[in-house]
Amino acid sequence: MQKSSIIRFGVLIELSREFGRELCKGITEFANQIGGFDPVFITPKSLKNRQALTGFDGFIARVMTDEIAKVLSKTGKPVVDVYYEKPHDGFAVVKTNHAKIGRIAAQHFLDRKFKNFAFCGFAGGRFSEYCRLAYRRALVSAGYTCNAYEPSESTRYEFDSSVLIAEKLTPAPDRKPLIKWIKSLPKPIAVFCPNDFRAWQLLNVCKECGVDVPREMAILGLDNDAIVCGFCRPMISSVDPDCVAIGREAARTLMEMIAKPHLAMKQIVRQVNPIRVVERASTEVYPLNPPWLSDALVYIHKNVSERLTADDVF
């Protein structure tokens, strides 16, 4: 392929989180597979240099604000949004399948025989509400209800570039109402969070108020960020949304839009299915008494492929 045929595209995605790094991995896998596809990192700050943006053939971006959308739209180049806070004319969307994420999360807890369920989300960020609705829908279809935490607008998270591009692990700003909510819940209970960051916050608040994880509260996150999930005890179970596949699909979609400009006139929305729950200690429990019975079932579940005997288990 001649140099003139190289497709150069800007990538506005966070590297501070595993979600973003896995997206980029998928993008590079696709670029290496087809050749002639040159991804270049850009930052929110670099968006101010409108002239520099003219050198790109398209963009894959976490479009977090109307300002970012406006800047990218003015370039007149194809844009694939891998965040999707709101629709933008001419932008394609490649996102995770929240409906299936909700079903996977619910089924994980149902398989462990929980009877009490809750959702702990953010104020702010459309993805939190997507997860809540999907999780609740799956539980209702199985005959259960879901207690949802109602965060105050005063603790609203503004999911702009300062959060997603350079996210830091910080304590929950709504710590006090979270403590009150945690204490009000029936126990044992299974709680799903819309990302691992929120699960990390919830777990630490549980420690503070003396709630045992996972025996009293099993906690499941989303994104399977190994660092966030691993930098706490117990380590956090999480739904793997297959971010690598999202990145590959985003790159494939951008290539199609560049090759066929008329596609940019359509509202392309593509969803990628999650893989599975990556089980860690935060959900390694069955809500049973006596506690040793739960421990035995956890051991059997983890070693199901082995030829276990009663002596191995007990």
C-alpha atoms as a PDB file:
ATOM      1  CA  MET A   1       0.000   0.000   0.000  1.00  0.00           C
ATOM      2  CA  GLN A   2       1.424   3.403  -1.015  1.00  0.00           C
ATOM      3  CA  LYS A   3       2.045   6.071   1.552  1.00  0.00           C
ATOM      4  CA  SER A   4      -0.633   8.304   0.028  1.00  0.00           C
ATOM      5  CA  SER A   5      -3.265   5.677   0.826  1.00  0.00           C
ATOM      6  CA  ILE A   6      -2.551   5.684   4.575  1.00  0.00           C
ATOM      7  CA  ILE A   7      -5.688   6.497   6.585  1.00  0.00           C
ATOM      8  CA  ARG A   8      -4.752   8.688   9.544  1.00  0.00           C
ATOM      9  CA  PHE A   9      -7.319   8.993  12.333  1.00  0.00           C
ATOM     10  CA  GLY A  10      -7.411  10.667  15.729  1.00  0.00           C
ATOM     11  CA  VAL A  11      -8.192   8.659  18.860  1.00  0.00           C
ATOM     12  CA  LEU A  12      -9.613  10.494  21.882  1.00  0.00           C
ATOM     13  CA  ILE A  13      -9.790   7.766  24.529  1.00  0.00           C
ATOM     14  CA  GLU A  14      -8.585   7.607  28.130  1.00  0.00           C
ATOM     15  CA  LEU A  15      -5.532   5.537  28.989  1.00  0.00           C
ATOM     16  CA  SER A  16      -5.963   5.831  32.765  1.00  0.00           C
ATOM     17  CA  ARG A  17      -8.575   3.058  32.848  1.00  0.00           C
ATOM     18  CA  GLU A  18      -8.488  -0.487  31.522  1.00  0.00           C
ATOM     19  CA  PHE A  19     -11.708   0.191  29.617  1.00  0.00           C
ATOM     20  CA  GLY A  20      -9.910   2.771  27.477  1.00  0.00           C
ATOM     21  CA  ARG A  21      -6.706   0.780  27.125  1.00  0.00           C
ATOM     22  CA  GLU A  22      -8.651  -2.273  25.944  1.00  0.00           C
ATOM     23  CA  LEU A  23     -10.563  -0.133  23.439  1.00  0.00           C
ATOM     24  CA  CYS A  24      -7.225   1.052  22.063  1.00  0.00           C
ATOM     25  CA  LYS A  25      -5.970  -2.525  21.926  1.00  0.00           C
ATOM     26  CA  GLY A  26      -8.917  -3.454  19.725  1.00  0.00           C
ATOM     27  CA  ILE A  27      -8.295  -0.444  17.488  1.00  0.00           C
ATOM     28  CA  THR A  28      -4.642  -1.358  16.989  1.00  0.00           C
ATOM     29  CA  GLU A  29      -5.511  -5.014  16.350  1.00  0.00           C
ATOM     30  CA  PHE A  30      -7.791  -3.946  13.515  1.00  0.00           C
ATOM     31  CA  ALA A  31      -5.257  -1.436  12.184  1.00  0.00           C
ATOM     32  CA  ASN A  32      -2.517  -4.074  12.135  1.00  0.00           C
ATOM     33  CA  GLN A  33      -4.805  -6.601  10.486  1.00  0.00           C
ATOM     34  CA  ILE A  34      -5.750  -4.505   7.471  1.00  0.00           C
ATOM     35  CA  GLY A  35      -2.708  -2.230   7.162  1.00  0.00           C
ATOM     36  CA  GLY A  36      -2.716   1.387   5.978  1.00  0.00           C
ATOM     37  CA  PHE A  37      -4.642   2.463   9.085  1.00  0.00           C
ATOM     38  CA  ASP A  38      -2.657   4.891  11.260  1.00  0.00           C
ATOM     39  CA  PRO A  39      -4.158   5.703  14.722  1.00  0.00           C
ATOM     40  CA  VAL A  40      -2.849   8.830  16.492  1.00  0.00           C
ATOM     41  CA  PHE A  41      -3.689   9.818  20.080  1.00  0.00           C
ATOM     42  CA  ILE A  42      -5.254  13.234  20.603  1.00  0.00           C
ATOM     43  CA  THR A  43      -6.276  14.924  23.865  1.00  0.00           C
ATOM     44  CA  PRO A  44      -9.063  17.304  24.894  1.00  0.00           C
ATOM     45  CA  LYS A  45      -6.423  20.050  24.926  1.00  0.00           C
ATOM     46  CA  SER A  46      -5.354  19.307  21.360  1.00  0.00           C
ATOM     47  CA  LEU A  47      -8.937  19.821  20.191  1.00  0.00           C
ATOM     48  CA  LYS A  48      -8.333  23.553  20.565  1.00  0.00           C
ATOM     49  CA  ASN A  49      -5.931  23.399  17.612  1.00  0.00           C
ATOM     50  CA  ARG A  50      -8.543  23.246  14.887  1.00  0.00           C
ATOM     51  CA  GLN A  51      -5.933  23.461  12.150  1.00  0.00           C
ATOM     52  CA  ALA A  52      -4.134  20.327  13.364  1.00  0.00           C
ATOM     53  CA  LEU A  53      -7.381  18.353  13.220  1.00  0.00           C
ATOM     54  CA  THR A  54      -7.626  18.874   9.459  1.00  0.00           C
ATOM     55  CA  GLY A  55      -4.802  16.362   9.003  1.00  0.00           C
ATOM     56  CA  PHE A  56      -7.018  13.456  10.099  1.00  0.00           C
ATOM     57  CA  ASP A  57      -9.301  11.345   7.924  1.00  0.00           C
ATOM     58  CA  GLY A  58     -11.625  10.570  10.832  1.00  0.00           C
ATOM     59  CA  PHE A  59     -11.944  10.146  14.572  1.00  0.00           C
ATOM     60  CA  ILE A  60     -12.744   7.522  17.188  1.00  0.00           C
ATOM     61  CA  ALA A  61     -13.622   9.332  20.396  1.00  0.00           C
ATOM     62  CA  ARG A  62     -15.225   9.221  23.787  1.00  0.00           C
ATOM     63  CA  VAL A  63     -17.598  12.104  22.994  1.00  0.00           C
ATOM     64  CA  MET A  64     -18.294  13.259  26.550  1.00  0.00           C
ATOM     65  CA  THR A  65     -19.520  16.807  25.983  1.00  0.00           C
ATOM     66  CA  ASP A  66     -21.352  18.922  23.436  1.00  0.00           C
ATOM     67  CA  GLU A  67     -18.171  20.970  23.057  1.00  0.00           C
ATOM     68  CA  ILE A  68     -16.157  17.924  21.932  1.00  0.00           C
ATOM     69  CA  ALA A  69     -18.982  16.949  19.575  1.00  0.00           C
ATOM     70  CA  LYS A  70     -19.064  20.452  18.082  1.00  0.00           C
ATOM     71  CA  VAL A  71     -15.317  20.556  17.457  1.00  0.00           C
ATOM     72  CA  LEU A  72     -15.231  17.113  15.823  1.00  0.00           C
ATOM     73  CA  SER A  73     -18.350  17.822  13.766  1.00  0.00           C
ATOM     74  CA  LYS A  74     -16.810  20.998  12.330  1.00  0.00           C
ATOM     75  CA  THR A  75     -13.938  18.994  10.849  1.00  0.00           C
ATOM     76  CA  GLY A  76     -16.407  17.427   8.443  1.00  0.00           C
ATOM     77  CA  LYS A  77     -14.717  14.057   8.941  1.00  0.00           C
ATOM     78  CA  PRO A  78     -16.378  10.781  10.034  1.00  0.00           C
ATOM     79  CA  VAL A  79     -16.642  10.282  13.805  1.00  0.00           C
ATOM     80  CA  VAL A  80     -17.270   7.072  15.745  1.00  0.00           C
ATOM     81  CA  ASP A  81     -18.440   7.732  19.296  1.00  0.00           C
ATOM     82  CA  VAL A  82     -17.501   5.022  21.807  1.00  0.00           C
ATOM     83  CA  TYR A  83     -19.034   6.799  24.806  1.00  0.00           C
ATOM     84  CA  TYR A  84     -22.553   7.807  23.738  1.00  0.00           C
ATOM     85  CA  GLU A  85     -23.857  10.182  26.352  1.00  0.00           C
ATOM     86  CA  LYS A  86     -26.282  11.554  23.741  1.00  0.00           C
ATOM     87  CA  PRO A  87     -26.810  11.223  19.973  1.00  0.00           C
ATOM     88  CA  HIS A  88     -24.973  13.594  17.640  1.00  0.00           C
ATOM     89  CA  ASP A  89     -25.923  14.067  14.002  1.00  0.00           C
ATOM     90  CA  GLY A  90     -23.617  12.225  11.628  1.00  0.00           C
ATOM     91  CA  PHE A  91     -21.727  10.371  14.367  1.00  0.00           C
ATOM     92  CA  ALA A  92     -21.693   6.599  14.367  1.00  0.00           C
ATOM     93  CA  VAL A  93     -22.014   4.884  17.742  1.00  0.00           C
ATOM     94  CA  VAL A  94     -20.321   1.677  18.864  1.00  0.00           C
ATOM     95  CA  LYS A  95     -21.181   0.729  22.420  1.00  0.00           C
ATOM     96  CA  THR A  96     -21.587  -2.140  24.834  1.00  0.00           C
ATOM     97  CA  ASN A  97     -24.876  -4.028  25.001  1.00  0.00           C
ATOM     98  CA  HIS A  98     -26.260  -2.859  28.343  1.00  0.00           C
ATOM     99  CA  ALA A  99     -29.314  -5.110  28.142  1.00  0.00           C
ATOM    100  CA  LYS A 100     -27.113  -8.203  28.071  1.00  0.00           C
ATOM    101  CA  ILE A 101     -24.850  -6.785  30.777  1.00  0.00           C
ATOM    102  CA  GLY A 102     -27.900  -6.431  33.035  1.00  0.00           C
ATOM    103  CA  ARG A 103     -28.929 -10.023  32.328  1.00  0.00           C
ATOM    104  CA  ILE A 104     -25.423 -11.378  32.966  1.00  0.00           C
ATOM    105  CA  ALA A 105     -25.158  -9.487  36.265  1.00  0.00           C
ATOM    106  CA  ALA A 106     -28.579 -10.631  37.431  1.00  0.00           C
ATOM    107  CA  GLN A 107     -27.961 -14.237  36.423  1.00  0.00           C
ATOM    108  CA  HIS A 108     -24.642 -14.296  38.292  1.00  0.00           C
ATOM    109  CA  PHE A 109     -26.456 -13.506  41.530  1.00  0.00           C
ATOM    110  CA  LEU A 110     -29.471 -15.683  40.763  1.00  0.00           C
ATOM    111  CA  ASP A 111     -27.166 -18.646  40.219  1.00  0.00           C
ATOM    112  CA  ARG A 112     -25.830 -18.046  43.719  1.00  0.00           C
ATOM    113  CA  LYS A 113     -29.388 -18.184  45.112  1.00  0.00           C
ATOM    114  CA  PHE A 114     -29.697 -14.584  46.300  1.00  0.00           C
ATOM    115  CA  LYS A 115     -33.165 -13.284  47.158  1.00  0.00           C
ATOM    116  CA  ASN A 116     -32.314  -9.632  47.825  1.00  0.00           C
ATOM    117  CA  PHE A 117     -30.914  -7.375  45.106  1.00  0.00           C
ATOM    118  CA  ALA A 118     -29.821  -3.764  44.771  1.00  0.00           C
ATOM    119  CA  PHE A 119     -28.164  -1.375  42.335  1.00  0.00           C
ATOM    120  CA  CYS A 120     -25.686   1.311  43.376  1.00  0.00           C
ATOM    121  CA  GLY A 121     -25.204   3.901  40.652  1.00  0.00           C
ATOM    122  CA  PHE A 122     -24.003   7.446  40.087  1.00  0.00           C
ATOM    123  CA  ALA A 123     -25.824  10.718  39.752  1.00  0.00           C
ATOM    124  CA  GLY A 124     -24.666  11.665  36.272  1.00  0.00           C
ATOM    125  CA  GLY A 125     -23.595   9.567  33.318  1.00  0.00           C
ATOM    126  CA  ARG A 126     -26.223   7.960  31.136  1.00  0.00           C
ATOM    127  CA  PHE A 127     -24.470   4.568  31.360  1.00  0.00           C
ATOM    128  CA  SER A 128     -25.388   4.287  35.055  1.00  0.00           C
ATOM    129  CA  GLU A 129     -29.075   4.540  34.250  1.00  0.00           C
ATOM    130  CA  TYR A 130     -28.721   2.079  31.350  1.00  0.00           C
ATOM    131  CA  CYS A 131     -27.212  -0.473  33.735  1.00  0.00           C
ATOM    132  CA  ARG A 132     -29.851   0.105  36.422  1.00  0.00           C
ATOM    133  CA  LEU A 133     -32.744  -0.406  34.015  1.00  0.00           C
ATOM    134  CA  ALA A 134     -31.208  -3.495  32.407  1.00  0.00           C
ATOM    135  CA  TYR A 135     -30.370  -5.121  35.750  1.00  0.00           C
ATOM    136  CA  ARG A 136     -33.813  -4.348  37.189  1.00  0.00           C
ATOM    137  CA  ARG A 137     -35.560  -5.660  34.062  1.00  0.00           C
ATOM    138  CA  ALA A 138     -33.687  -8.958  34.280  1.00  0.00           C
ATOM    139  CA  LEU A 139     -34.550  -9.358  37.963  1.00  0.00           C
ATOM    140  CA  VAL A 140     -38.215  -8.484  37.481  1.00  0.00           C
ATOM    141  CA  SER A 141     -38.485 -11.081  34.710  1.00  0.00           C
ATOM    142  CA  ALA A 142     -37.152 -13.633  37.219  1.00  0.00           C
ATOM    143  CA  GLY A 143     -39.753 -12.574  39.807  1.00  0.00           C
ATOM    144  CA  TYR A 144     -37.627 -10.301  42.015  1.00  0.00           C
ATOM    145  CA  THR A 145     -37.459  -6.602  42.866  1.00  0.00           C
ATOM    146  CA  CYS A 146     -34.401  -4.349  42.936  1.00  0.00           C
ATOM    147  CA  ASN A 147     -33.598  -1.708  45.537  1.00  0.00           C
ATOM    148  CA  ALA A 148     -31.861   1.184  43.771  1.00  0.00           C
ATOM    149  CA  TYR A 149     -29.693   3.771  45.485  1.00  0.00           C
ATOM    150  CA  GLU A 150     -30.963   7.276  44.733  1.00  0.00           C
ATOM    151  CA  PRO A 151     -27.913   9.572  44.729  1.00  0.00           C
ATOM    152  CA  SER A 152     -28.343  13.245  45.477  1.00  0.00           C
ATOM    153  CA  GLU A 153     -27.775  15.747  42.681  1.00  0.00           C
ATOM    154  CA  SER A 154     -25.368  17.505  45.044  1.00  0.00           C
ATOM    155  CA  THR A 155     -22.978  14.561  44.538  1.00  0.00           C
ATOM    156  CA  ARG A 156     -23.445  14.447  40.788  1.00  0.00           C
ATOM    157  CA  TYR A 157     -20.490  13.194  38.751  1.00  0.00           C
ATOM    158  CA  GLU A 158     -19.727  15.288  35.699  1.00  0.00           C
ATOM    159  CA  PHE A 159     -18.353  12.692  33.297  1.00  0.00           C
ATOM    160  CA  ASP A 160     -16.263  15.041  31.234  1.00  0.00           C
ATOM    161  CA  SER A 161     -12.692  14.680  30.012  1.00  0.00           C
ATOM    162  CA  SER A 162     -11.262  15.566  33.434  1.00  0.00           C
ATOM    163  CA  VAL A 163     -12.913  12.456  34.865  1.00  0.00           C
ATOM    164  CA  LEU A 164     -12.664   9.884  32.094  1.00  0.00           C
ATOM    165  CA  ILE A 165      -9.385  10.878  30.477  1.00  0.00           C
ATOM    166  CA  ALA A 166      -7.532  11.304  33.767  1.00  0.00           C
ATOM    167  CA  GLU A 167      -9.659   9.414  36.265  1.00  0.00           C
ATOM    168  CA  LYS A 168      -8.362   8.891  39.789  1.00  0.00           C
ATOM    169  CA  LEU A 169      -9.584   6.555  42.503  1.00  0.00           C
ATOM    170  CA  THR A 170     -11.196   8.872  45.008  1.00  0.00           C
ATOM    171  CA  PRO A 171     -13.549   8.159  47.949  1.00  0.00           C
ATOM    172  CA  ALA A 172     -17.275   8.411  47.314  1.00  0.00           C
ATOM    173  CA  PRO A 173     -18.457  12.037  47.556  1.00  0.00           C
ATOM    174  CA  ASP A 174     -21.828  10.702  48.799  1.00  0.00           C
ATOM    175  CA  ARG A 175     -20.291   8.644  51.610  1.00  0.00           C
ATOM    176  CA  LYS A 176     -22.832   9.599  54.297  1.00  0.00           C
ATOM    177  CA  PRO A 177     -25.998   8.834  52.290  1.00  0.00           C
ATOM    178  CA  LEU A 178     -24.331   5.641  51.069  1.00  0.00           C
ATOM    179  CA  ILE A 179     -23.777   4.509  54.653  1.00  0.00           C
ATOM    180  CA  LYS A 180     -27.419   5.230  55.457  1.00  0.00           C
ATOM    181  CA  TRP A 181     -28.572   3.285  52.385  1.00  0.00           C
ATOM    182  CA  ILE A 182     -26.279   0.317  53.087  1.00  0.00           C
ATOM    183  CA  LYS A 183     -27.580   0.020  56.654  1.00  0.00           C
ATOM    184  CA  SER A 184     -31.196   0.107  55.441  1.00  0.00           C
ATOM    185  CA  LEU A 185     -30.820  -2.847  53.070  1.00  0.00           C
ATOM    186  CA  PRO A 186     -31.928  -6.387  53.926  1.00  0.00           C
ATOM    187  CA  LYS A 187     -28.991  -8.764  54.315  1.00  0.00           C
ATOM    188  CA  PRO A 188     -27.560 -10.752  52.669  1.00  0.00           C
ATOM    189  CA  ILE A 189     -27.901  -8.781  49.443  1.00  0.00           C
ATOM    190  CA  ALA A 190     -26.387  -8.748  45.952  1.00  0.00           C
ATOM    191  CA  VAL A 191     -25.407  -5.326  44.592  1.00  0.00           C
ATOM    192  CA  PHE A 192     -24.492  -4.462  41.004  1.00  0.00           C
ATOM    193  CA  CYS A 193     -22.559  -1.253  40.211  1.00  0.00           C
ATOM    194  CA  PRO A 194     -22.293   0.455  36.778  1.00  0.00           C
ATOM    195  CA  ASN A 195     -18.491   0.362  36.801  1.00  0.00           C
ATOM    196  CA  ASP A 196     -15.611  -0.939  38.884  1.00  0.00           C
ATOM    197  CA  PHE A 197     -14.856   2.520  40.257  1.00  0.00           C
ATOM    198  CA  ARG A 198     -18.284   2.665  41.897  1.00  0.00           C
ATOM    199  CA  ALA A 199     -17.906  -0.911  43.169  1.00  0.00           C
ATOM    200  CA  TRP A 200     -14.553   0.080  44.684  1.00  0.00           C
ATOM    201  CA  GLN A 201     -16.178   3.060  46.423  1.00  0.00           C
ATOM    202  CA  LEU A 202     -19.051   0.943  47.713  1.00  0.00           C
ATOM    203  CA  LEU A 203     -16.741  -1.751  49.052  1.00  0.00           C
ATOM    204  CA  ASN A 204     -14.706   0.803  50.996  1.00  0.00           C
ATOM    205  CA  VAL A 205     -17.829   2.376  52.486  1.00  0.00           C
ATOM    206  CA  CYS A 206     -18.970  -1.118  53.533  1.00  0.00           C
ATOM    207  CA  LYS A 207     -15.675  -1.606  55.359  1.00  0.00           C
ATOM    208  CA  GLU A 208     -16.141   1.717  57.111  1.00  0.00           C
ATOM    209  CA  CYS A 209     -19.591   0.854  58.428  1.00  0.00           C
ATOM    210  CA  GLY A 210     -18.788  -2.761  59.325  1.00  0.00           C
ATOM    211  CA  VAL A 211     -20.705  -4.574  56.583  1.00  0.00           C
ATOM    212  CA  ASP A 212     -19.030  -7.833  55.572  1.00  0.00           C
ATOM    213  CA  VAL A 213     -18.286  -8.273  51.871  1.00  0.00           C
ATOM    214  CA  PRO A 214     -19.289 -10.738  50.516  1.00  0.00           C
ATOM    215  CA  ARG A 215     -21.213 -12.471  53.351  1.00  0.00           C
ATOM    216  CA  GLU A 216     -23.607  -9.592  54.005  1.00  0.00           C
ATOM    217  CA  MET A 217     -23.214  -7.741  50.716  1.00  0.00           C
ATOM    218  CA  ALA A 218     -21.901  -9.277  47.491  1.00  0.00           C
ATOM    219  CA  ILE A 219     -20.608  -6.588  45.111  1.00  0.00           C
ATOM    220  CA  LEU A 220     -20.289  -6.854  41.323  1.00  0.00           C
ATOM    221  CA  GLY A 221     -18.711  -4.195  39.117  1.00  0.00           C
ATOM    222  CA  LEU A 222     -18.485  -3.603  35.374  1.00  0.00           C
ATOM    223  CA  ASP A 223     -15.487  -3.173  33.011  1.00  0.00           C
ATOM    224  CA  ASN A 224     -13.168  -5.783  34.575  1.00  0.00           C
ATOM    225  CA  ASP A 225     -10.469  -3.233  35.368  1.00  0.00           C
ATOM    226  CA  ALA A 226      -7.854  -5.517  36.910  1.00  0.00           C
ATOM    227  CA  ILE A 227      -6.128  -2.697  38.804  1.00  0.00           C
ATOM    228  CA  VAL A 228      -9.281  -1.231  40.337  1.00  0.00           C
ATOM    229  CA  CYS A 229     -10.696  -4.674  41.102  1.00  0.00           C
ATOM    230  CA  GLY A 230      -7.397  -5.908  42.525  1.00  0.00           C
ATOM    231  CA  PHE A 231      -6.452  -2.936  44.689  1.00  0.00           C
ATOM    232  CA  CYS A 232      -8.901  -3.802  47.453  1.00  0.00           C
ATOM    233  CA  ARG A 233      -9.754  -6.696  49.708  1.00  0.00           C
ATOM    234  CA  PRO A 234     -11.792  -8.603  48.887  1.00  0.00           C
ATOM    235  CA  MET A 235     -11.024  -8.232  45.187  1.00  0.00           C
ATOM    236  CA  ILE A 236     -14.017  -7.208  43.090  1.00  0.00           C
ATOM    237  CA  SER A 237     -15.892  -9.444  40.650  1.00  0.00           C
ATOM    238  CA  SER A 238     -16.748  -7.673  37.415  1.00  0.00           C
ATOM    239  CA  VAL A 239     -18.578  -8.067  34.103  1.00  0.00           C
ATOM    240  CA  ASP A 240     -16.159  -8.096  31.159  1.00  0.00           C
ATOM    241  CA  PRO A 241     -17.810  -5.962  28.416  1.00  0.00           C
ATOM    242  CA  ASP A 242     -15.249  -7.051  25.776  1.00  0.00           C
ATOM    243  CA  CYS A 243     -13.730  -3.627  25.201  1.00  0.00           C
ATOM    244  CA  VAL A 244     -11.232  -5.082  22.727  1.00  0.00           C
ATOM    245  CA  ALA A 245     -14.148  -6.097  20.493  1.00  0.00           C
ATOM    246  CA  ILE A 246     -15.693  -2.631  20.898  1.00  0.00           C
ATOM    247  CA  GLY A 247     -12.414  -1.074  19.750  1.00  0.00           C
ATOM    248  CA  ARG A 248     -12.171  -3.394  16.740  1.00  0.00           C
ATOM    249  CA  GLU A 249     -15.777  -2.663  15.760  1.00  0.00           C
ATOM    250  CA  ALA A 250     -15.204   1.085  16.136  1.00  0.00           C
ATOM    251  CA  ALA A 251     -12.193   0.943  13.809  1.00  0.00           C
ATOM    252  CA  ARG A 252     -14.079  -1.219  11.317  1.00  0.00           C
ATOM    253  CA  THR A 253     -17.021   1.215  11.370  1.00  0.00           C
ATOM    254  CA  LEU A 254     -14.745   4.211  10.824  1.00  0.00           C
ATOM    255  CA  MET A 255     -13.108   2.518   7.845  1.00  0.00           C
ATOM    256  CA  GLU A 256     -16.534   1.870   6.330  1.00  0.00           C
ATOM    257  CA  MET A 257     -17.548   5.508   6.825  1.00  0.00           C
ATOM    258  CA  ILE A 258     -14.347   6.739   5.168  1.00  0.00           C
ATOM    259  CA  ALA A 259     -14.754   4.342   2.238  1.00  0.00           C
ATOM    260  CA  LYS A 260     -18.473   5.106   1.857  1.00  0.00           C
ATOM    261  CA  PRO A 261     -19.123   8.769   2.815  1.00  0.00           C
ATOM    262  CA  HIS A 262     -22.886   8.365   2.425  1.00  0.00           C
ATOM    263  CA  LEU A 263     -22.886   6.207   5.575  1.00  0.00           C
ATOM    264  CA  ALA A 264     -22.117   9.307   7.638  1.00  0.00           C
ATOM    265  CA  MET A 265     -25.586  10.563   6.745  1.00  0.00           C
ATOM    266  CA  LYS A 266     -27.148   7.594   8.549  1.00  0.00           C
ATOM    267  CA  GLN A 267     -27.348   7.075  12.305  1.00  0.00           C
ATOM    268  CA  ILE A 268     -25.184   3.983  12.662  1.00  0.00           C
ATOM    269  CA  VAL A 269     -25.531   2.320  16.077  1.00  0.00           C
ATOM    270  CA  ARG A 270     -23.704  -0.937  16.740  1.00  0.00           C
ATOM    271  CA  GLN A 271     -23.633  -2.902  19.971  1.00  0.00           C
ATOM    272  CA  VAL A 272     -21.039  -5.364  21.221  1.00  0.00           C
ATOM    273  CA  ASN A 273     -22.008  -8.154  23.605  1.00  0.00           C
ATOM    274  CA  PRO A 274     -20.266  -8.597  26.964  1.00  0.00           C
ATOM    275  CA  ILE A 275     -18.308 -11.783  27.598  1.00  0.00           C
ATOM    276  CA  ARG A 276     -18.932 -12.967  31.149  1.00  0.00           C
ATOM    277  CA  VAL A 277     -18.533 -12.246  34.846  1.00  0.00           C
ATOM    278  CA  VAL A 278     -14.915 -12.490  35.948  1.00  0.00           C
ATOM    279  CA  GLU A 279     -15.376 -13.921  39.423  1.00  0.00           C
ATOM    280  CA  ARG A 280     -13.331 -12.661  42.328  1.00  0.00           C
ATOM    281  CA  ALA A 281     -13.785 -12.692  46.095  1.00  0.00           C
ATOM    282  CA  SER A 282     -16.474  -9.981  46.330  1.00  0.00           C
ATOM    283  CA  THR A 283     -19.152 -12.392  45.055  1.00  0.00           C
ATOM    284  CA  GLU A 284     -17.668 -15.718  46.188  1.00  0.00           C
ATOM    285  CA  VAL A 285     -20.512 -16.520  48.521  1.00  0.00           C
ATOM    286  CA  TYR A 286     -23.860 -18.265  48.728  1.00  0.00           C
ATOM    287  CA  PRO A 287     -26.381 -16.627  51.105  1.00  0.00           C
ATOM    288  CA  LEU A 288     -26.764 -19.732  53.228  1.00  0.00           C
ATOM    289  CA  ASN A 289     -26.501 -20.717  56.857  1.00  0.00           C
ATOM    290  CA  PRO A 290     -24.429 -22.125  58.368  1.00  0.00           C
ATOM    291  CA  PRO A 291     -21.488 -20.178  56.798  1.00  0.00           C
ATOM    292  CA  TRP A 292     -19.460 -23.356  56.276  1.00  0.00           C
ATOM    293  CA  LEU A 293     -22.050 -24.542  53.776  1.00  0.00           C
ATOM    294  CA  SER A 294     -21.495 -21.407  51.707  1.00  0.00           C
ATOM    295  CA  ASP A 295     -17.729 -21.956  51.862  1.00  0.00           C
ATOM    296  CA  ALA A 296     -18.180 -25.543  50.704  1.00  0.00           C
ATOM    297  CA  LEU A 297     -20.316 -24.514  47.712  1.00  0.00           C
ATOM    298  CA  VAL A 298     -17.819 -21.800  46.744  1.00  0.00           C
ATOM    299  CA  TYR A 299     -15.014 -24.375  46.850  1.00  0.00           C
ATOM    300  CA  ILE A 300     -17.006 -26.805  44.708  1.00  0.00           C
ATOM    301  CA  HIS A 301     -17.857 -24.051  42.215  1.00  0.00           C
ATOM    302  CA  LYS A 302     -14.196 -23.022  41.874  1.00  0.00           C
ATOM    303  CA  ASN A 303     -13.001 -26.612  41.492  1.00  0.00           C
ATOM    304  CA  VAL A 304     -15.866 -28.104  39.517  1.00  0.00           C
ATOM    305  CA  SER A 305     -13.488 -29.529  36.884  1.00  0.00           C
ATOM    306  CA  GLU A 306     -11.564 -31.497  39.513  1.00  0.00           C
ATOM    307  CA  ARG A 307     -12.496 -34.955  40.806  1.00  0.00           C
ATOM    308  CA  LEU A 308     -13.611 -33.791  44.227  1.00  0.00           C
ATOM    309  CA  THR A 309     -14.428 -36.051  47.153  1.00  0.00           C
ATOM    310  CA  ALA A 310     -16.265 -35.284  50.370  1.00  0.00           C
ATOM    311  CA  ASP A 311     -12.916 -35.110  52.153  1.00  0.00           C
ATOM    312  CA  ASP A 312     -11.727 -32.434  49.712  1.00  0.00           C
ATOM    313  CA  VAL A 313     -14.757 -30.269  50.412  1.00  0.00           C
ATOM    314  CA  PHE A 314     -15.231 -30.796  54.123  1.00  0.00           C
END
